[in-house]
C-alpha cells in the first residue's frame, strides 16, 4: 500500500508533464516561397487523427499583399484542401489514410513585386488541435477537472500512438520476413544454377577428352 501511494503521485506528475508538452500552444513555422516553383511541408500522421492548420502571408503592405495557392493531399494523392488567391486561411480534416500528408504552397502568377514571399504556417494534429476552451465552456468544467480531461486526452493519444507503432512494427516485420524468404530462395536457386553449370562443364570436358582419346 505504501509503495502504491508513492507510485501514484509520480505517475500523475509524469502525465501532467506529458499533458503540458502535448497540449501546449504550437509555434508557427515561417518559410519563404520562391517566385517560381512550389514549397511543400509534410508530416507522417496515422489514421483517424484531427488536423488543424492556419496559414498567413507575411507582408508589410496589407492592402496589396501577395496571394498564394494552397493544396493539401493525402498519402494516396487524394485532394483534402485546395484554394487559390489566398493571403490567409485555415484547413482542417480528419485523416482517413495513414502516412505522409503533404501541404504545398506556391505564389500566384500576378505577384507584382516578384521575389520571395514569406509565409507563416501553424500545423496542429491530434490533441493539440483540440479547442479546450470550447470544451470547458460546453461541458462547464474548469480547474482540476479540465486538467484531468486533458490528461485523459493525453493517455488516449499515447495509447493510439503505441497501437500505431505496433501496427507499423508488425507490417515491417512481415516485409522483412518476406524479403528474407525471397533472398533465401534466390540463394538456393543461385547455388542450384552453379551446381548445374559445373556438372554440365564436367560432362562436356569429359566427352571432349574422350573424343580426343586423351582419357
N, C-alpha and C. Protein backbone atom coordinates (compact mmCIF):
# COMPACT_ATOMS: atom_id res chain seq x y z
N UNK A 1 0.83 -1.21 0.00
CA UNK A 1 0.00 0.00 0.00
C UNK A 1 0.86 1.26 0.00
N UNK A 2 1.92 1.23 0.80
CA UNK A 2 2.80 2.40 0.89
C UNK A 2 3.48 2.65 -0.45
N UNK A 3 3.85 1.56 -1.12
CA UNK A 3 4.51 1.70 -2.42
C UNK A 3 3.56 2.28 -3.45
N UNK A 4 2.29 1.85 -3.41
CA UNK A 4 1.29 2.37 -4.34
C UNK A 4 1.07 3.86 -4.13
N UNK A 5 1.08 4.29 -2.87
CA UNK A 5 0.90 5.72 -2.57
C UNK A 5 2.05 6.55 -3.13
N UNK A 6 3.26 5.96 -3.18
CA UNK A 6 4.41 6.67 -3.72
C UNK A 6 4.38 6.69 -5.25
N UNK A 7 3.90 5.59 -5.86
CA UNK A 7 3.89 5.49 -7.32
C UNK A 7 2.82 6.38 -7.93
N UNK A 8 1.63 6.45 -7.31
CA UNK A 8 0.51 7.19 -7.88
C UNK A 8 0.82 8.67 -8.09
N UNK A 9 1.36 9.40 -7.08
CA UNK A 9 1.70 10.80 -7.34
C UNK A 9 2.75 10.97 -8.43
N UNK A 10 3.73 10.05 -8.47
CA UNK A 10 4.76 10.11 -9.51
C UNK A 10 4.16 9.94 -10.88
N UNK A 11 3.21 8.99 -11.01
CA UNK A 11 2.55 8.75 -12.28
C UNK A 11 1.74 9.97 -12.72
N UNK A 12 1.02 10.57 -11.77
CA UNK A 12 0.24 11.77 -12.09
C UNK A 12 1.15 12.91 -12.51
N UNK A 13 2.32 13.04 -11.86
CA UNK A 13 3.27 14.10 -12.21
C UNK A 13 3.79 13.90 -13.63
N UNK A 14 4.12 12.64 -13.97
CA UNK A 14 4.60 12.35 -15.33
C UNK A 14 3.54 12.68 -16.36
N UNK A 15 2.30 12.26 -16.09
CA UNK A 15 1.20 12.55 -17.02
C UNK A 15 0.95 14.04 -17.14
N UNK A 16 1.14 14.78 -16.05
CA UNK A 16 0.97 16.23 -16.09
C UNK A 16 1.99 16.87 -17.02
N UNK A 17 3.24 16.39 -16.91
CA UNK A 17 4.28 16.91 -17.81
C UNK A 17 3.97 16.57 -19.25
N UNK A 18 3.48 15.34 -19.49
CA UNK A 18 3.11 14.95 -20.84
C UNK A 18 1.97 15.80 -21.37
N UNK A 19 1.00 16.07 -20.52
CA UNK A 19 -0.13 16.90 -20.93
C UNK A 19 0.34 18.30 -21.27
N UNK A 20 1.19 18.86 -20.42
CA UNK A 20 1.71 20.22 -20.69
C UNK A 20 2.49 20.26 -21.98
N UNK A 21 3.20 19.15 -22.29
CA UNK A 21 4.01 19.12 -23.50
C UNK A 21 3.15 18.95 -24.74
N UNK A 22 2.09 18.10 -24.63
CA UNK A 22 1.30 17.79 -25.80
C UNK A 22 0.23 18.83 -26.11
N UNK A 23 -0.28 19.52 -25.10
CA UNK A 23 -1.36 20.47 -25.35
C UNK A 23 -0.86 21.92 -25.32
N UNK A 24 0.47 22.10 -25.26
CA UNK A 24 1.00 23.46 -25.24
C UNK A 24 0.70 24.14 -26.57
N UNK A 25 0.60 25.48 -26.61
CA UNK A 25 0.37 26.16 -27.87
C UNK A 25 1.50 25.88 -28.85
N UNK A 26 1.15 25.61 -30.10
CA UNK A 26 2.17 25.33 -31.10
C UNK A 26 2.74 26.63 -31.64
N UNK A 27 3.99 26.57 -32.12
CA UNK A 27 4.64 27.73 -32.69
C UNK A 27 4.55 27.66 -34.21
N UNK A 28 4.29 28.82 -34.81
CA UNK A 28 4.18 28.87 -36.26
C UNK A 28 5.55 28.71 -36.91
N UNK A 29 5.55 28.06 -38.06
CA UNK A 29 6.77 27.90 -38.85
C UNK A 29 6.75 28.93 -39.96
N UNK A 30 7.85 29.67 -40.08
CA UNK A 30 7.98 30.66 -41.14
C UNK A 30 8.90 30.11 -42.22
N UNK A 31 8.53 30.29 -43.48
CA UNK A 31 9.42 29.91 -44.57
C UNK A 31 9.14 30.80 -45.78
N UNK A 32 10.10 30.85 -46.68
CA UNK A 32 10.00 31.68 -47.87
C UNK A 32 9.56 30.86 -49.06
N UNK A 33 8.59 31.40 -49.81
CA UNK A 33 8.15 30.77 -51.05
C UNK A 33 8.93 31.39 -52.20
N UNK A 34 9.55 30.58 -53.06
CA UNK A 34 10.27 31.15 -54.22
C UNK A 34 9.30 31.76 -55.22
N UNK A 35 9.80 32.69 -56.02
CA UNK A 35 8.94 33.36 -57.01
C UNK A 35 8.40 32.38 -58.03
N UNK A 36 9.17 31.33 -58.32
CA UNK A 36 8.69 30.26 -59.20
C UNK A 36 8.89 28.93 -58.49
N UNK A 37 7.99 28.03 -58.72
CA UNK A 37 8.10 26.72 -58.07
C UNK A 37 7.21 26.61 -56.85
N UNK A 38 7.31 25.48 -56.20
CA UNK A 38 6.43 25.13 -55.07
C UNK A 38 7.26 24.71 -53.88
N UNK A 39 6.79 25.07 -52.70
CA UNK A 39 7.42 24.59 -51.47
C UNK A 39 6.38 23.79 -50.69
N UNK A 40 6.80 22.61 -50.21
CA UNK A 40 5.87 21.72 -49.52
C UNK A 40 6.39 21.37 -48.13
N UNK A 41 5.47 21.14 -47.23
CA UNK A 41 5.79 20.60 -45.90
C UNK A 41 4.96 19.35 -45.72
N UNK A 42 5.51 18.39 -44.98
CA UNK A 42 4.79 17.13 -44.80
C UNK A 42 4.93 16.64 -43.37
N UNK A 43 4.01 15.80 -42.99
CA UNK A 43 4.06 15.17 -41.68
C UNK A 43 3.43 13.80 -41.77
N UNK A 44 4.08 12.82 -41.15
CA UNK A 44 3.52 11.47 -41.13
C UNK A 44 2.50 11.36 -40.01
N UNK A 45 1.26 11.08 -40.39
CA UNK A 45 0.16 11.04 -39.43
C UNK A 45 -0.58 9.72 -39.62
N UNK A 46 -0.96 9.10 -38.52
CA UNK A 46 -1.70 7.85 -38.66
C UNK A 46 -3.19 8.11 -38.85
N UNK A 47 -3.94 7.06 -38.99
CA UNK A 47 -5.35 7.14 -39.36
C UNK A 47 -6.22 7.72 -38.25
N UNK A 48 -7.29 8.42 -38.66
CA UNK A 48 -8.31 8.94 -37.74
C UNK A 48 -7.75 9.96 -36.75
N UNK A 49 -6.95 10.90 -37.25
CA UNK A 49 -6.38 11.97 -36.44
C UNK A 49 -6.86 13.32 -36.97
N UNK A 50 -7.25 14.19 -36.05
CA UNK A 50 -7.72 15.53 -36.43
C UNK A 50 -6.51 16.41 -36.73
N UNK A 51 -6.57 17.12 -37.86
CA UNK A 51 -5.50 18.04 -38.27
C UNK A 51 -6.11 19.43 -38.46
N UNK A 52 -5.45 20.42 -37.88
CA UNK A 52 -5.90 21.81 -37.99
C UNK A 52 -4.69 22.68 -38.29
N UNK A 53 -4.78 23.51 -39.31
CA UNK A 53 -3.64 24.35 -39.69
C UNK A 53 -4.12 25.74 -40.10
N UNK A 54 -3.35 26.75 -39.71
CA UNK A 54 -3.59 28.13 -40.11
C UNK A 54 -2.38 28.63 -40.86
N UNK A 55 -2.61 29.36 -41.94
CA UNK A 55 -1.51 29.94 -42.71
C UNK A 55 -1.82 31.40 -43.03
N UNK A 56 -0.77 32.20 -43.13
CA UNK A 56 -0.93 33.62 -43.43
C UNK A 56 0.31 34.12 -44.15
N UNK A 57 0.10 34.95 -45.15
CA UNK A 57 1.20 35.58 -45.89
C UNK A 57 1.72 36.75 -45.08
N UNK A 58 3.03 36.82 -44.88
CA UNK A 58 3.65 37.91 -44.13
C UNK A 58 4.05 39.00 -45.11
N UNK A 59 3.40 40.16 -44.98
CA UNK A 59 3.68 41.26 -45.91
C UNK A 59 3.53 42.59 -45.19
N UNK A 60 4.39 43.54 -45.53
CA UNK A 60 4.29 44.89 -44.95
C UNK A 60 3.13 45.66 -45.57
N UNK A 61 2.79 45.32 -46.80
CA UNK A 61 1.70 46.00 -47.50
C UNK A 61 0.42 45.18 -47.32
N UNK A 62 -0.43 45.59 -46.37
CA UNK A 62 -1.64 44.82 -46.07
C UNK A 62 -2.71 44.99 -47.13
N UNK A 63 -2.67 46.09 -47.87
CA UNK A 63 -3.72 46.34 -48.87
C UNK A 63 -3.45 45.58 -50.17
N UNK A 64 -2.16 45.42 -50.51
CA UNK A 64 -1.81 44.70 -51.74
C UNK A 64 -0.85 43.55 -51.43
N UNK A 65 -1.21 42.74 -50.47
CA UNK A 65 -0.38 41.62 -50.10
C UNK A 65 -0.40 40.55 -51.20
N UNK A 66 0.74 39.91 -51.45
CA UNK A 66 0.76 38.84 -52.47
C UNK A 66 -0.13 37.68 -52.04
N UNK A 67 -0.66 36.99 -53.03
CA UNK A 67 -1.55 35.86 -52.75
C UNK A 67 -0.85 34.54 -53.11
N UNK A 68 -1.27 33.50 -52.46
CA UNK A 68 -0.69 32.18 -52.70
C UNK A 68 -1.79 31.16 -52.95
N UNK A 69 -1.39 30.04 -53.52
CA UNK A 69 -2.28 28.89 -53.69
C UNK A 69 -1.84 27.79 -52.74
N UNK A 70 -2.80 27.05 -52.23
CA UNK A 70 -2.54 26.00 -51.24
C UNK A 70 -3.21 24.71 -51.68
N UNK A 71 -2.46 23.62 -51.56
CA UNK A 71 -3.03 22.32 -51.87
C UNK A 71 -2.54 21.30 -50.86
N UNK A 72 -3.48 20.58 -50.24
CA UNK A 72 -3.15 19.55 -49.25
C UNK A 72 -3.61 18.22 -49.80
N UNK A 73 -2.71 17.25 -49.79
CA UNK A 73 -3.04 15.92 -50.32
C UNK A 73 -2.73 14.84 -49.30
N UNK A 74 -3.44 13.73 -49.44
CA UNK A 74 -3.26 12.57 -48.56
C UNK A 74 -2.12 11.70 -49.08
N UNK A 75 -1.70 10.69 -48.33
CA UNK A 75 -0.61 9.80 -48.80
C UNK A 75 -0.91 9.14 -50.13
N UNK A 76 -2.19 8.91 -50.45
CA UNK A 76 -2.55 8.27 -51.71
C UNK A 76 -2.94 9.28 -52.80
N UNK A 77 -2.63 10.57 -52.55
CA UNK A 77 -2.85 11.59 -53.57
C UNK A 77 -4.24 12.19 -53.59
N UNK A 78 -5.09 11.86 -52.63
CA UNK A 78 -6.43 12.44 -52.59
C UNK A 78 -6.36 13.90 -52.16
N UNK A 79 -7.15 14.74 -52.80
CA UNK A 79 -7.15 16.18 -52.52
C UNK A 79 -7.98 16.47 -51.27
N UNK A 80 -7.33 17.01 -50.23
CA UNK A 80 -8.01 17.32 -48.98
C UNK A 80 -8.38 18.79 -48.86
N UNK A 81 -7.61 19.64 -49.54
CA UNK A 81 -7.85 21.09 -49.46
C UNK A 81 -7.15 21.75 -50.64
N UNK A 82 -7.84 22.67 -51.31
CA UNK A 82 -7.23 23.39 -52.43
C UNK A 82 -7.87 24.77 -52.56
N UNK A 83 -7.05 25.79 -52.39
CA UNK A 83 -7.52 27.17 -52.51
C UNK A 83 -6.50 27.98 -53.31
N UNK A 84 -7.00 28.98 -54.03
CA UNK A 84 -6.14 29.88 -54.79
C UNK A 84 -6.42 31.32 -54.39
N UNK A 85 -5.43 32.20 -54.68
CA UNK A 85 -5.56 33.65 -54.39
C UNK A 85 -5.87 33.90 -52.91
N UNK A 86 -5.08 33.32 -52.05
CA UNK A 86 -5.29 33.45 -50.61
C UNK A 86 -4.15 34.24 -49.96
N UNK A 87 -4.51 35.11 -49.01
CA UNK A 87 -3.50 35.76 -48.18
C UNK A 87 -3.44 35.12 -46.80
N UNK A 88 -4.52 34.46 -46.41
CA UNK A 88 -4.55 33.71 -45.16
C UNK A 88 -5.72 32.72 -45.23
N UNK A 89 -5.68 31.75 -44.36
CA UNK A 89 -6.76 30.77 -44.36
C UNK A 89 -6.51 29.68 -43.34
N UNK A 90 -7.42 28.74 -43.33
CA UNK A 90 -7.34 27.62 -42.38
C UNK A 90 -7.90 26.37 -43.05
N UNK A 91 -7.25 25.24 -42.82
CA UNK A 91 -7.80 23.98 -43.29
C UNK A 91 -7.81 22.98 -42.14
N UNK A 92 -8.82 22.15 -42.16
CA UNK A 92 -8.99 21.14 -41.10
C UNK A 92 -9.59 19.88 -41.72
N UNK A 93 -9.12 18.75 -41.26
CA UNK A 93 -9.65 17.48 -41.74
C UNK A 93 -9.28 16.37 -40.75
N UNK A 94 -9.96 15.26 -40.89
CA UNK A 94 -9.64 14.06 -40.11
C UNK A 94 -9.06 13.03 -41.07
N UNK A 95 -7.88 12.56 -40.75
CA UNK A 95 -7.17 11.67 -41.67
C UNK A 95 -7.92 10.35 -41.85
N UNK A 96 -8.00 9.92 -43.11
CA UNK A 96 -8.61 8.63 -43.43
C UNK A 96 -7.56 7.63 -43.89
N UNK A 97 -6.31 8.12 -44.06
CA UNK A 97 -5.21 7.27 -44.52
C UNK A 97 -3.99 7.55 -43.65
N UNK A 98 -3.24 6.52 -43.36
CA UNK A 98 -2.01 6.68 -42.59
C UNK A 98 -0.84 6.92 -43.53
N UNK A 99 0.05 7.84 -43.14
CA UNK A 99 1.22 8.12 -43.97
C UNK A 99 1.53 9.60 -44.03
N UNK A 100 2.35 9.99 -45.00
CA UNK A 100 2.79 11.38 -45.15
C UNK A 100 1.69 12.23 -45.79
N UNK A 101 1.23 13.24 -45.06
CA UNK A 101 0.28 14.21 -45.60
C UNK A 101 1.04 15.46 -46.02
N UNK A 102 0.79 15.91 -47.23
CA UNK A 102 1.60 16.95 -47.87
C UNK A 102 0.79 18.23 -48.05
N UNK A 103 1.37 19.36 -47.63
CA UNK A 103 0.77 20.68 -47.85
C UNK A 103 1.73 21.49 -48.71
N UNK A 104 1.29 21.88 -49.90
CA UNK A 104 2.14 22.60 -50.85
C UNK A 104 1.62 24.03 -51.06
N UNK A 105 2.57 24.98 -51.15
CA UNK A 105 2.25 26.40 -51.33
C UNK A 105 3.05 26.93 -52.51
N UNK A 106 2.41 27.80 -53.29
CA UNK A 106 3.13 28.49 -54.36
C UNK A 106 2.51 29.87 -54.60
N UNK A 107 3.32 30.79 -55.10
CA UNK A 107 2.87 32.16 -55.31
C UNK A 107 2.03 32.23 -56.59
N UNK A 108 0.91 32.96 -56.52
CA UNK A 108 0.09 33.14 -57.70
C UNK A 108 0.83 33.97 -58.75
N UNK A 109 0.45 33.79 -60.00
CA UNK A 109 1.18 34.40 -61.11
C UNK A 109 1.18 35.90 -61.15
N UNK A 110 0.22 36.58 -60.50
CA UNK A 110 0.12 38.03 -60.62
C UNK A 110 0.81 38.77 -59.47
N UNK A 111 1.85 38.15 -58.87
CA UNK A 111 2.60 38.84 -57.83
C UNK A 111 3.38 39.99 -58.46
N UNK A 112 3.06 41.24 -58.05
CA UNK A 112 3.58 42.43 -58.73
C UNK A 112 5.07 42.63 -58.51
N UNK A 113 5.53 42.55 -57.28
CA UNK A 113 6.92 42.88 -56.97
C UNK A 113 7.89 41.76 -57.34
N UNK A 114 7.42 40.56 -57.47
CA UNK A 114 8.30 39.44 -57.72
C UNK A 114 9.10 39.10 -56.48
N UNK A 115 10.02 38.16 -56.59
CA UNK A 115 10.84 37.78 -55.45
C UNK A 115 10.11 36.81 -54.53
N UNK A 116 10.79 36.47 -53.44
CA UNK A 116 10.23 35.51 -52.48
C UNK A 116 9.12 36.13 -51.65
N UNK A 117 8.27 35.26 -51.12
CA UNK A 117 7.18 35.68 -50.23
C UNK A 117 7.27 34.86 -48.95
N UNK A 118 7.18 35.54 -47.81
CA UNK A 118 7.24 34.84 -46.51
C UNK A 118 5.85 34.38 -46.12
N UNK A 119 5.80 33.20 -45.55
CA UNK A 119 4.52 32.62 -45.14
C UNK A 119 4.67 31.97 -43.78
N UNK A 120 3.66 32.15 -42.94
CA UNK A 120 3.64 31.55 -41.61
C UNK A 120 2.62 30.42 -41.61
N UNK A 121 3.03 29.25 -41.10
CA UNK A 121 2.15 28.08 -41.05
C UNK A 121 2.15 27.50 -39.65
N UNK A 122 0.96 27.34 -39.08
CA UNK A 122 0.80 26.69 -37.78
C UNK A 122 0.04 25.38 -38.00
N UNK A 123 0.72 24.28 -37.80
CA UNK A 123 0.17 22.95 -38.11
C UNK A 123 0.00 22.19 -36.80
N UNK A 124 -1.23 21.79 -36.49
CA UNK A 124 -1.52 21.07 -35.24
C UNK A 124 -2.23 19.76 -35.55
N UNK A 125 -1.89 18.74 -34.80
CA UNK A 125 -2.50 17.42 -35.01
C UNK A 125 -2.90 16.82 -33.66
N UNK A 126 -3.89 15.95 -33.74
CA UNK A 126 -4.29 15.20 -32.55
C UNK A 126 -4.80 16.08 -31.43
N UNK A 127 -4.25 15.85 -30.24
CA UNK A 127 -4.74 16.55 -29.05
C UNK A 127 -4.44 18.04 -29.09
N UNK A 128 -3.35 18.44 -29.78
CA UNK A 128 -3.01 19.86 -29.87
C UNK A 128 -4.01 20.63 -30.74
N UNK A 129 -4.75 19.91 -31.59
CA UNK A 129 -5.74 20.57 -32.44
C UNK A 129 -7.08 20.75 -31.75
N UNK A 130 -7.20 20.23 -30.54
CA UNK A 130 -8.48 20.32 -29.83
C UNK A 130 -8.62 21.67 -29.13
N UNK A 131 -9.79 22.25 -29.24
CA UNK A 131 -10.07 23.55 -28.61
C UNK A 131 -10.58 23.29 -27.19
N UNK A 132 -9.65 23.35 -26.23
CA UNK A 132 -10.01 23.03 -24.85
C UNK A 132 -10.87 24.11 -24.20
N UNK A 133 -10.74 25.34 -24.67
CA UNK A 133 -11.60 26.41 -24.14
C UNK A 133 -13.06 26.14 -24.48
N UNK A 134 -13.31 25.72 -25.71
CA UNK A 134 -14.68 25.40 -26.11
C UNK A 134 -15.21 24.19 -25.34
N UNK A 135 -14.33 23.20 -25.13
CA UNK A 135 -14.73 22.02 -24.37
C UNK A 135 -15.11 22.40 -22.94
N UNK A 136 -14.29 23.28 -22.34
CA UNK A 136 -14.55 23.72 -20.96
C UNK A 136 -15.88 24.47 -20.85
N UNK A 137 -16.15 25.34 -21.83
CA UNK A 137 -17.40 26.11 -21.81
C UNK A 137 -18.61 25.23 -22.06
N UNK A 138 -18.46 24.29 -23.00
CA UNK A 138 -19.58 23.43 -23.37
C UNK A 138 -19.96 22.49 -22.24
N UNK A 139 -18.94 21.89 -21.62
CA UNK A 139 -19.19 20.90 -20.56
C UNK A 139 -19.16 21.52 -19.16
N UNK A 140 -18.91 22.84 -19.10
CA UNK A 140 -18.89 23.59 -17.84
C UNK A 140 -17.93 22.96 -16.83
N UNK A 141 -16.70 22.78 -17.27
CA UNK A 141 -15.65 22.24 -16.39
C UNK A 141 -14.49 23.22 -16.35
N UNK A 142 -13.76 23.19 -15.28
CA UNK A 142 -12.60 24.08 -15.14
C UNK A 142 -11.67 23.51 -14.07
N UNK A 143 -10.52 24.14 -13.96
CA UNK A 143 -9.57 23.76 -12.91
C UNK A 143 -9.08 22.34 -13.03
N UNK A 144 -9.14 21.62 -11.93
CA UNK A 144 -8.61 20.25 -11.85
C UNK A 144 -9.35 19.32 -12.81
N UNK A 145 -10.66 19.51 -12.93
CA UNK A 145 -11.45 18.65 -13.81
C UNK A 145 -11.03 18.81 -15.26
N UNK A 146 -10.74 20.06 -15.67
CA UNK A 146 -10.27 20.31 -17.03
C UNK A 146 -8.90 19.67 -17.26
N UNK A 147 -8.01 19.80 -16.26
CA UNK A 147 -6.68 19.20 -16.39
C UNK A 147 -6.78 17.67 -16.48
N UNK A 148 -7.74 17.09 -15.74
CA UNK A 148 -7.93 15.64 -15.82
C UNK A 148 -8.43 15.23 -17.20
N UNK A 149 -9.29 16.06 -17.80
CA UNK A 149 -9.75 15.78 -19.16
C UNK A 149 -8.60 15.85 -20.15
N UNK A 150 -7.70 16.81 -19.93
CA UNK A 150 -6.51 16.90 -20.79
C UNK A 150 -5.62 15.67 -20.63
N UNK A 151 -5.47 15.24 -19.37
CA UNK A 151 -4.68 14.03 -19.11
C UNK A 151 -5.31 12.81 -19.77
N UNK A 152 -6.63 12.76 -19.73
CA UNK A 152 -7.33 11.65 -20.39
C UNK A 152 -7.07 11.67 -21.89
N UNK A 153 -7.08 12.87 -22.46
CA UNK A 153 -6.77 13.00 -23.89
C UNK A 153 -5.34 12.60 -24.19
N UNK A 154 -4.41 12.95 -23.30
CA UNK A 154 -3.00 12.57 -23.47
C UNK A 154 -2.85 11.06 -23.45
N UNK A 155 -3.50 10.41 -22.47
CA UNK A 155 -3.41 8.95 -22.35
C UNK A 155 -3.97 8.28 -23.61
N UNK A 156 -5.10 8.78 -24.10
CA UNK A 156 -5.69 8.21 -25.31
C UNK A 156 -4.76 8.40 -26.50
N UNK A 157 -4.13 9.60 -26.60
CA UNK A 157 -3.21 9.86 -27.70
C UNK A 157 -2.00 8.94 -27.63
N UNK A 158 -1.46 8.75 -26.43
CA UNK A 158 -0.31 7.85 -26.26
C UNK A 158 -0.69 6.42 -26.62
N UNK A 159 -1.89 6.00 -26.16
CA UNK A 159 -2.36 4.65 -26.46
C UNK A 159 -2.51 4.45 -27.97
N UNK A 160 -3.08 5.43 -28.65
CA UNK A 160 -3.25 5.34 -30.11
C UNK A 160 -1.89 5.29 -30.81
N UNK A 161 -0.93 6.10 -30.32
CA UNK A 161 0.40 6.09 -30.92
C UNK A 161 1.09 4.75 -30.73
N UNK A 162 0.91 4.15 -29.54
CA UNK A 162 1.51 2.84 -29.29
C UNK A 162 0.90 1.78 -30.21
N UNK A 163 -0.43 1.81 -30.37
CA UNK A 163 -1.08 0.86 -31.27
C UNK A 163 -0.61 1.05 -32.70
N UNK A 164 -0.45 2.33 -33.10
CA UNK A 164 0.01 2.63 -34.46
C UNK A 164 1.43 2.11 -34.67
N UNK A 165 2.30 2.34 -33.67
CA UNK A 165 3.69 1.87 -33.77
C UNK A 165 3.75 0.34 -33.80
N UNK A 166 2.88 -0.31 -33.01
CA UNK A 166 2.84 -1.78 -33.02
C UNK A 166 2.38 -2.29 -34.38
N UNK A 167 1.40 -1.59 -34.97
CA UNK A 167 0.91 -1.99 -36.29
C UNK A 167 2.00 -1.82 -37.35
N UNK A 168 2.72 -0.67 -37.28
CA UNK A 168 3.81 -0.43 -38.23
C UNK A 168 4.93 -1.45 -38.04
N UNK A 169 5.22 -1.79 -36.77
CA UNK A 169 6.27 -2.76 -36.49
C UNK A 169 5.89 -4.13 -37.05
N UNK A 170 4.60 -4.49 -36.93
CA UNK A 170 4.13 -5.76 -37.47
C UNK A 170 4.24 -5.77 -38.99
N UNK A 171 3.87 -4.65 -39.63
CA UNK A 171 3.98 -4.56 -41.08
C UNK A 171 5.43 -4.68 -41.53
N UNK A 172 6.34 -3.97 -40.83
CA UNK A 172 7.75 -4.03 -41.19
C UNK A 172 8.31 -5.44 -40.97
N UNK A 173 7.84 -6.13 -39.91
CA UNK A 173 8.30 -7.49 -39.66
C UNK A 173 7.86 -8.43 -40.78
N UNK A 174 6.62 -8.26 -41.24
CA UNK A 174 6.12 -9.09 -42.34
C UNK A 174 6.94 -8.85 -43.61
N UNK A 175 7.20 -7.56 -43.90
CA UNK A 175 8.00 -7.22 -45.09
C UNK A 175 9.40 -7.81 -44.97
N UNK A 176 9.99 -7.70 -43.76
CA UNK A 176 11.33 -8.24 -43.53
C UNK A 176 11.37 -9.75 -43.71
N UNK A 177 10.34 -10.44 -43.18
CA UNK A 177 10.29 -11.90 -43.31
C UNK A 177 10.12 -12.31 -44.77
N UNK A 178 9.27 -11.57 -45.51
CA UNK A 178 9.10 -11.88 -46.94
C UNK A 178 10.40 -11.66 -47.69
N UNK A 179 11.09 -10.54 -47.38
CA UNK A 179 12.36 -10.25 -48.04
C UNK A 179 13.39 -11.32 -47.74
N UNK A 180 13.48 -11.74 -46.46
CA UNK A 180 14.42 -12.79 -46.09
C UNK A 180 14.10 -14.10 -46.80
N UNK A 181 12.80 -14.41 -46.91
CA UNK A 181 12.40 -15.62 -47.62
C UNK A 181 12.79 -15.58 -49.09
N UNK A 182 12.58 -14.40 -49.72
CA UNK A 182 12.95 -14.28 -51.14
C UNK A 182 14.46 -14.38 -51.34
N UNK A 183 15.21 -13.75 -50.42
CA UNK A 183 16.68 -13.83 -50.50
C UNK A 183 17.14 -15.28 -50.34
N UNK A 184 16.51 -16.01 -49.41
CA UNK A 184 16.89 -17.42 -49.20
C UNK A 184 16.61 -18.25 -50.45
N UNK A 185 15.43 -18.05 -51.06
CA UNK A 185 15.10 -18.79 -52.28
C UNK A 185 16.03 -18.42 -53.43
N UNK A 186 16.38 -17.13 -53.51
CA UNK A 186 17.29 -16.70 -54.56
C UNK A 186 18.67 -17.33 -54.37
N UNK A 187 19.12 -17.42 -53.11
CA UNK A 187 20.41 -18.05 -52.82
C UNK A 187 20.41 -19.52 -53.19
N UNK A 188 19.30 -20.22 -52.86
CA UNK A 188 19.18 -21.64 -53.19
C UNK A 188 19.17 -21.83 -54.71
N UNK A 189 18.42 -20.97 -55.42
CA UNK A 189 18.37 -21.07 -56.88
C UNK A 189 19.74 -20.77 -57.50
N UNK A 190 20.44 -19.78 -56.95
CA UNK A 190 21.78 -19.45 -57.47
C UNK A 190 22.73 -20.62 -57.26
N UNK A 191 22.66 -21.24 -56.08
CA UNK A 191 23.51 -22.40 -55.80
C UNK A 191 23.17 -23.55 -56.73
N UNK A 192 21.87 -23.77 -56.98
CA UNK A 192 21.46 -24.83 -57.90
C UNK A 192 21.96 -24.59 -59.30
N UNK A 193 21.89 -23.34 -59.77
CA UNK A 193 22.38 -23.00 -61.11
C UNK A 193 23.88 -23.23 -61.20
N UNK A 194 24.62 -22.84 -60.15
CA UNK A 194 26.08 -23.03 -60.14
C UNK A 194 26.43 -24.52 -60.19
N UNK A 195 25.70 -25.34 -59.40
CA UNK A 195 25.96 -26.79 -59.40
C UNK A 195 25.64 -27.39 -60.76
N UNK A 196 24.52 -26.96 -61.35
CA UNK A 196 24.14 -27.47 -62.67
C UNK A 196 25.16 -27.08 -63.74
N UNK A 197 25.62 -25.82 -63.68
CA UNK A 197 26.61 -25.37 -64.65
C UNK A 197 27.92 -26.13 -64.50
N UNK A 198 28.33 -26.35 -63.26
CA UNK A 198 29.56 -27.11 -63.02
C UNK A 198 29.44 -28.55 -63.53
N UNK A 199 28.29 -29.18 -63.29
CA UNK A 199 28.05 -30.55 -63.77
C UNK A 199 28.11 -30.62 -65.29
N UNK A 200 27.45 -29.66 -65.97
CA UNK A 200 27.46 -29.63 -67.43
C UNK A 200 28.87 -29.41 -67.98
N UNK A 201 29.65 -28.55 -67.30
CA UNK A 201 31.02 -28.32 -67.73
C UNK A 201 31.85 -29.61 -67.62
N UNK A 202 31.72 -30.31 -66.50
CA UNK A 202 32.46 -31.56 -66.31
C UNK A 202 32.06 -32.60 -67.36
N UNK A 203 30.75 -32.68 -67.61
CA UNK A 203 30.25 -33.64 -68.62
C UNK A 203 30.79 -33.31 -70.00
N UNK A 204 30.78 -31.99 -70.35
CA UNK A 204 31.28 -31.57 -71.67
C UNK A 204 32.78 -31.85 -71.80
N UNK A 205 33.56 -31.52 -70.77
CA UNK A 205 35.01 -31.74 -70.82
C UNK A 205 35.34 -33.23 -70.90
N UNK A 206 34.56 -34.06 -70.18
CA UNK A 206 34.79 -35.50 -70.22
C UNK A 206 34.57 -36.03 -71.63
N UNK A 207 33.47 -35.62 -72.28
CA UNK A 207 33.17 -36.06 -73.64
C UNK A 207 34.23 -35.56 -74.62
N UNK A 208 34.69 -34.32 -74.42
CA UNK A 208 35.69 -33.75 -75.31
C UNK A 208 36.99 -34.56 -75.25
N UNK A 209 37.43 -34.86 -74.04
CA UNK A 209 38.69 -35.62 -73.88
C UNK A 209 38.54 -37.05 -74.35
N UNK A 210 37.30 -37.63 -74.21
CA UNK A 210 37.08 -38.97 -74.72
C UNK A 210 37.14 -39.01 -76.23
N UNK A 211 36.56 -37.98 -76.88
CA UNK A 211 36.62 -37.94 -78.35
C UNK A 211 38.06 -37.77 -78.84
N UNK A 212 38.87 -37.00 -78.15
CA UNK A 212 40.27 -36.79 -78.49
C UNK A 212 41.16 -37.96 -78.05
N UNK A 213 40.49 -38.94 -77.38
CA UNK A 213 41.18 -40.11 -76.87
C UNK A 213 42.32 -39.76 -75.94
N UNK A 214 42.06 -38.72 -75.17
CA UNK A 214 43.07 -38.31 -74.18
C UNK A 214 42.87 -39.02 -72.85
N UNK A 215 41.67 -39.56 -72.66
CA UNK A 215 41.40 -40.33 -71.45
C UNK A 215 40.72 -41.66 -71.82
